[in-house]
Amino acid sequence: MFAREGASVVVNGRRPEPIEATAKAITEAGGRALAVPGDVTVTKDIQRLIQTTVDTFGQLDILVNNAGIMVSRTSVRDCPEDDWRKTIDANLTSVFLCSKHALPELIKSRGNILNLSSIAGLMGTPNRAAYGASKAGVALLTRGMALDYAPHGVRVNALCPAFVETEINRDYLAELRRRGEYDTVVKRHPLGFLGQPDDVAYAAVYLASDEARWVTGVALPVDGGMGAGTT
């Protein structure tokens, strides 16, 4: 979506194959893209990612913090400590580290940061102790950074999706279908259907664009109406 709007895209992930496939799809469609493998919880990998971006494209304008995992779907009592630490590290610490090391370049370009939180970071969700806490941290970190870096012309916003049919949810949704509980989850979204990746991508492109030049510190639900109060 960003590439279609004219952005040069640097794709990052721990596994080379999927990010190289994404970069190839962009370039074959006439866009500009580069795959840079790395772990966004490791400082040296982040520094290499940012330096490679600047060396290749001249500057950094937009940082999208989109790494996320859901290690376990449990309450606090049932959540293993290791699962808690992995979730916080991948979902929240990665946002802190990537933002920390990208901000010097973003201040130069008066760019912006877009963080992926979740509707689970804005409202209580059963059996999402670690995930909900990590995503709530992302939403609040977004607002804090928005205040800290507004004087530098850097905007910081977050998206808060509900259930979107992506890899992180695919197995879970398949299990719900097997148990006959899929329709119950769908009905939690007042619009009556689950989101698709493009539904989130459209909102991401808007918040990162100049059309949103007066928007910062927002945690925007993209949730089919789930956060409006329907139970």
Protein backbone atom coordinates (compact mmCIF):
# COMPACT_ATOMS: atom_id res chain seq x y z
CA MET A 1 0.00 0.00 0.00
CA PHE A 2 2.80 2.46 0.86
CA ALA A 3 4.65 1.52 -2.31
CA ARG A 4 1.54 2.16 -4.41
CA GLU A 5 1.46 5.65 -2.92
CA GLY A 6 5.04 6.26 -4.06
CA ALA A 7 7.05 5.37 -0.97
CA SER A 8 10.33 3.48 -1.08
CA VAL A 9 9.78 0.60 1.34
CA VAL A 10 12.33 -1.17 3.52
CA VAL A 11 10.88 -4.47 4.70
CA ASN A 12 12.22 -5.99 7.91
CA GLY A 13 11.68 -9.31 9.67
CA ARG A 14 13.58 -12.16 11.24
CA ARG A 15 12.90 -14.59 8.38
CA PRO A 16 14.48 -13.63 5.04
CA GLU A 17 12.03 -15.49 2.79
CA PRO A 18 8.78 -13.59 3.49
CA ILE A 19 10.38 -10.15 3.51
CA GLU A 20 12.23 -10.88 0.28
CA ALA A 21 8.94 -12.01 -1.27
CA THR A 22 7.29 -8.76 -0.18
CA ALA A 23 10.13 -6.65 -1.57
CA LYS A 24 10.02 -8.60 -4.84
CA ALA A 25 6.26 -8.07 -5.17
CA ILE A 26 6.76 -4.32 -4.74
CA THR A 27 9.59 -4.05 -7.26
CA GLU A 28 7.78 -6.22 -9.81
CA ALA A 29 4.83 -3.81 -9.54
CA GLY A 30 7.15 -0.92 -10.37
CA GLY A 31 7.92 0.25 -6.84
CA ARG A 32 11.14 0.54 -4.89
CA ALA A 33 11.83 -1.86 -2.03
CA LEU A 34 14.62 -3.44 -0.06
CA ALA A 35 14.53 -6.44 2.30
CA VAL A 36 16.71 -6.14 5.40
CA PRO A 37 16.55 -9.16 7.73
CA GLY A 38 16.93 -8.50 11.44
CA ASP A 39 15.40 -8.73 14.89
CA VAL A 40 13.75 -5.54 16.16
CA THR A 41 14.46 -6.49 19.76
CA VAL A 42 18.22 -6.42 19.06
CA THR A 43 19.85 -2.98 19.05
CA LYS A 44 22.62 -3.75 16.55
CA ASP A 45 20.07 -5.15 14.08
CA ILE A 46 17.96 -2.00 14.42
CA GLN A 47 20.96 0.27 13.90
CA ARG A 48 21.94 -1.69 10.78
CA LEU A 49 18.35 -1.48 9.49
CA ILE A 50 18.21 2.29 9.86
CA GLN A 51 21.70 2.89 8.47
CA THR A 52 20.97 0.68 5.46
CA THR A 53 17.76 2.61 4.82
CA VAL A 54 19.53 5.97 4.92
CA ASP A 55 22.46 4.74 2.84
CA THR A 56 20.12 3.32 0.18
CA PHE A 57 17.39 5.95 -0.03
CA GLY A 58 19.04 9.05 1.43
CA GLN A 59 16.75 9.61 4.41
CA LEU A 60 14.12 8.07 6.66
CA ASP A 61 10.64 9.62 6.61
CA ILE A 62 8.31 7.02 8.14
CA LEU A 63 8.85 4.30 10.74
CA VAL A 64 6.12 1.67 11.01
CA ASN A 65 6.48 -0.41 14.18
CA ASN A 66 4.51 -3.48 13.16
CA ALA A 67 6.25 -6.41 14.88
CA GLY A 68 3.89 -8.41 17.03
CA ILE A 69 3.35 -11.80 18.62
CA MET A 70 0.75 -13.48 20.78
CA VAL A 71 2.61 -16.19 22.67
CA SER A 72 -0.29 -17.28 24.87
CA ARG A 73 -3.97 -16.52 25.35
CA THR A 74 -4.19 -16.67 29.14
CA SER A 75 -5.08 -14.82 32.29
CA VAL A 76 -2.33 -13.49 34.58
CA ARG A 77 -2.43 -16.57 36.80
CA ASP A 78 -2.00 -18.95 33.88
CA CYS A 79 0.53 -16.90 31.91
CA PRO A 80 4.05 -18.34 32.11
CA GLU A 81 6.61 -15.72 33.06
CA ASP A 82 8.63 -16.48 29.94
CA ASP A 83 5.56 -15.85 27.76
CA TRP A 84 5.02 -12.50 29.49
CA ARG A 85 8.61 -11.39 28.89
CA LYS A 86 8.63 -12.53 25.24
CA THR A 87 5.38 -10.68 24.55
CA ILE A 88 6.45 -7.42 26.17
CA ASP A 89 9.83 -7.60 24.46
CA ALA A 90 8.45 -8.23 20.97
CA ASN A 91 5.39 -5.98 21.12
CA LEU A 92 6.49 -3.05 23.29
CA THR A 93 10.26 -3.00 23.73
CA SER A 94 10.67 -3.25 19.95
CA VAL A 95 8.66 -0.04 19.55
CA PHE A 96 10.84 1.72 22.11
CA LEU A 97 14.11 0.55 20.54
CA CYS A 98 13.19 1.19 16.91
CA SER A 99 11.80 4.62 17.75
CA LYS A 100 14.83 5.51 19.88
CA HIS A 101 17.28 4.75 17.09
CA ALA A 102 15.13 6.11 14.24
CA LEU A 103 14.30 9.45 15.86
CA PRO A 104 17.57 11.20 14.99
CA GLU A 105 16.82 10.59 11.30
CA LEU A 106 13.11 11.36 11.66
CA ILE A 107 13.90 14.69 13.31
CA LYS A 108 16.07 15.58 10.30
CA SER A 109 13.26 14.72 7.86
CA ARG A 110 10.40 15.94 10.11
CA GLY A 111 8.97 12.48 9.56
CA ASN A 112 6.61 10.37 11.59
CA ILE A 113 6.14 7.14 13.49
CA LEU A 114 3.21 4.79 13.16
CA ASN A 115 2.81 2.13 15.85
CA LEU A 116 0.56 -0.92 15.70
CA SER A 117 -1.33 -1.22 18.96
CA SER A 118 -4.62 -3.13 19.20
CA ILE A 119 -8.19 -2.79 20.37
CA ALA A 120 -6.92 -5.06 23.17
CA GLY A 121 -4.72 -2.15 24.22
CA LEU A 122 -7.73 0.15 24.64
CA MET A 123 -10.22 -2.13 26.39
CA GLY A 124 -10.10 -5.14 28.67
CA THR A 125 -10.03 -8.46 26.86
CA PRO A 126 -10.36 -11.86 28.60
CA ASN A 127 -7.32 -14.11 28.50
CA ARG A 128 -5.05 -11.57 26.85
CA ALA A 129 -3.03 -10.53 29.92
CA ALA A 130 0.39 -10.20 28.31
CA TYR A 131 -0.82 -9.16 24.86
CA GLY A 132 -3.25 -6.54 26.19
CA ALA A 133 -0.67 -5.05 28.52
CA SER A 134 1.91 -4.84 25.73
CA LYS A 135 -0.51 -3.15 23.33
CA ALA A 136 -1.76 -0.74 26.00
CA GLY A 137 1.87 0.19 26.54
CA VAL A 138 2.23 0.88 22.82
CA ALA A 139 -0.82 3.20 22.88
CA LEU A 140 0.50 5.19 25.84
CA LEU A 141 4.07 5.29 24.52
CA THR A 142 2.62 6.69 21.29
CA ARG A 143 0.98 9.57 23.13
CA GLY A 144 4.08 10.31 25.17
CA MET A 145 6.35 10.38 22.12
CA ALA A 146 3.83 12.55 20.29
CA LEU A 147 4.19 15.20 23.00
CA ASP A 148 7.96 14.87 23.29
CA TYR A 149 8.69 15.20 19.58
CA ALA A 150 5.95 17.54 18.35
CA PRO A 151 8.35 20.49 18.83
CA HIS A 152 10.68 18.74 16.36
CA GLY A 153 7.91 18.35 13.78
CA VAL A 154 7.71 14.57 14.26
CA ARG A 155 4.22 13.09 14.46
CA VAL A 156 3.55 9.81 16.31
CA ASN A 157 0.30 7.86 15.95
CA ALA A 158 -1.02 4.35 16.55
CA LEU A 159 -3.53 2.04 14.94
CA CYS A 160 -5.67 -0.24 17.09
CA PRO A 161 -7.15 -3.07 14.99
CA ALA A 162 -9.63 -5.65 16.20
CA PHE A 163 -9.69 -9.11 14.59
CA VAL A 164 -7.97 -8.97 11.20
CA GLU A 165 -7.44 -12.10 9.15
CA THR A 166 -3.65 -12.17 9.24
CA GLU A 167 -1.04 -14.77 10.12
CA ILE A 168 -1.14 -13.98 13.83
CA ASN A 169 -4.86 -14.86 13.96
CA ARG A 170 -5.17 -17.49 11.23
CA ASP A 171 -4.74 -20.61 13.37
CA TYR A 172 -6.88 -19.17 16.17
CA LEU A 173 -9.73 -18.33 13.81
CA ALA A 174 -9.50 -21.79 12.23
CA GLU A 175 -9.80 -23.32 15.68
CA LEU A 176 -12.86 -21.17 16.41
CA ARG A 177 -14.46 -22.48 13.22
CA ARG A 178 -13.81 -26.06 14.31
CA ARG A 179 -15.41 -25.35 17.69
CA GLY A 180 -18.38 -23.56 16.15
CA GLU A 181 -17.44 -20.27 17.84
CA TYR A 182 -16.33 -18.27 14.82
CA ASP A 183 -19.67 -16.49 14.36
CA THR A 184 -19.58 -15.34 17.99
CA VAL A 185 -16.29 -13.51 17.36
CA VAL A 186 -17.61 -11.98 14.14
CA LYS A 187 -20.69 -10.69 15.97
CA ARG A 188 -18.46 -8.74 18.37
CA HIS A 189 -17.77 -6.45 15.40
CA PRO A 190 -20.96 -4.39 14.83
CA LEU A 191 -20.22 -4.06 11.10
CA GLY A 192 -20.64 -7.82 10.88
CA PHE A 193 -17.34 -8.97 9.39
CA LEU A 194 -13.67 -9.28 10.28
CA GLY A 195 -11.04 -6.93 8.93
CA GLN A 196 -8.67 -7.58 6.05
CA PRO A 197 -5.07 -6.32 5.89
CA ASP A 198 -6.01 -3.56 3.44
CA ASP A 199 -8.51 -2.15 5.95
CA VAL A 200 -5.61 -1.41 8.28
CA ALA A 201 -3.22 -0.41 5.49
CA TYR A 202 -5.54 2.36 4.24
CA ALA A 203 -5.60 3.87 7.73
CA ALA A 204 -1.82 3.48 8.05
CA VAL A 205 -1.16 5.33 4.80
CA TYR A 206 -3.49 8.14 5.87
CA LEU A 207 -1.84 8.65 9.27
CA ALA A 208 1.64 8.61 7.71
CA SER A 209 0.69 11.03 4.93
CA ASP A 210 0.72 14.82 4.75
CA GLU A 211 -3.08 14.68 4.75
CA ALA A 212 -2.76 13.91 8.47
CA ARG A 213 -0.28 16.71 9.12
CA TRP A 214 -2.39 17.99 12.05
CA VAL A 215 -2.90 14.55 13.61
CA THR A 216 -0.56 13.29 16.32
CA GLY A 217 -0.90 11.31 19.53
CA VAL A 218 -3.89 9.38 18.18
CA ALA A 219 -4.65 5.73 18.96
CA LEU A 220 -7.11 5.09 16.14
CA PRO A 221 -9.42 2.05 16.40
CA VAL A 222 -9.79 0.19 13.11
CA ASP A 223 -12.11 -2.37 14.57
CA GLY A 224 -15.42 -2.79 12.77
CA GLY A 225 -17.06 -0.92 15.64
CA MET A 226 -15.95 -3.29 18.40
CA GLY A 227 -14.72 -0.47 20.62
CA ALA A 228 -17.97 1.47 20.36
CA GLY A 229 -19.44 -0.47 23.25
CA THR A 230 -21.04 -3.60 21.81
CA THR A 231 -20.34 -6.70 23.88
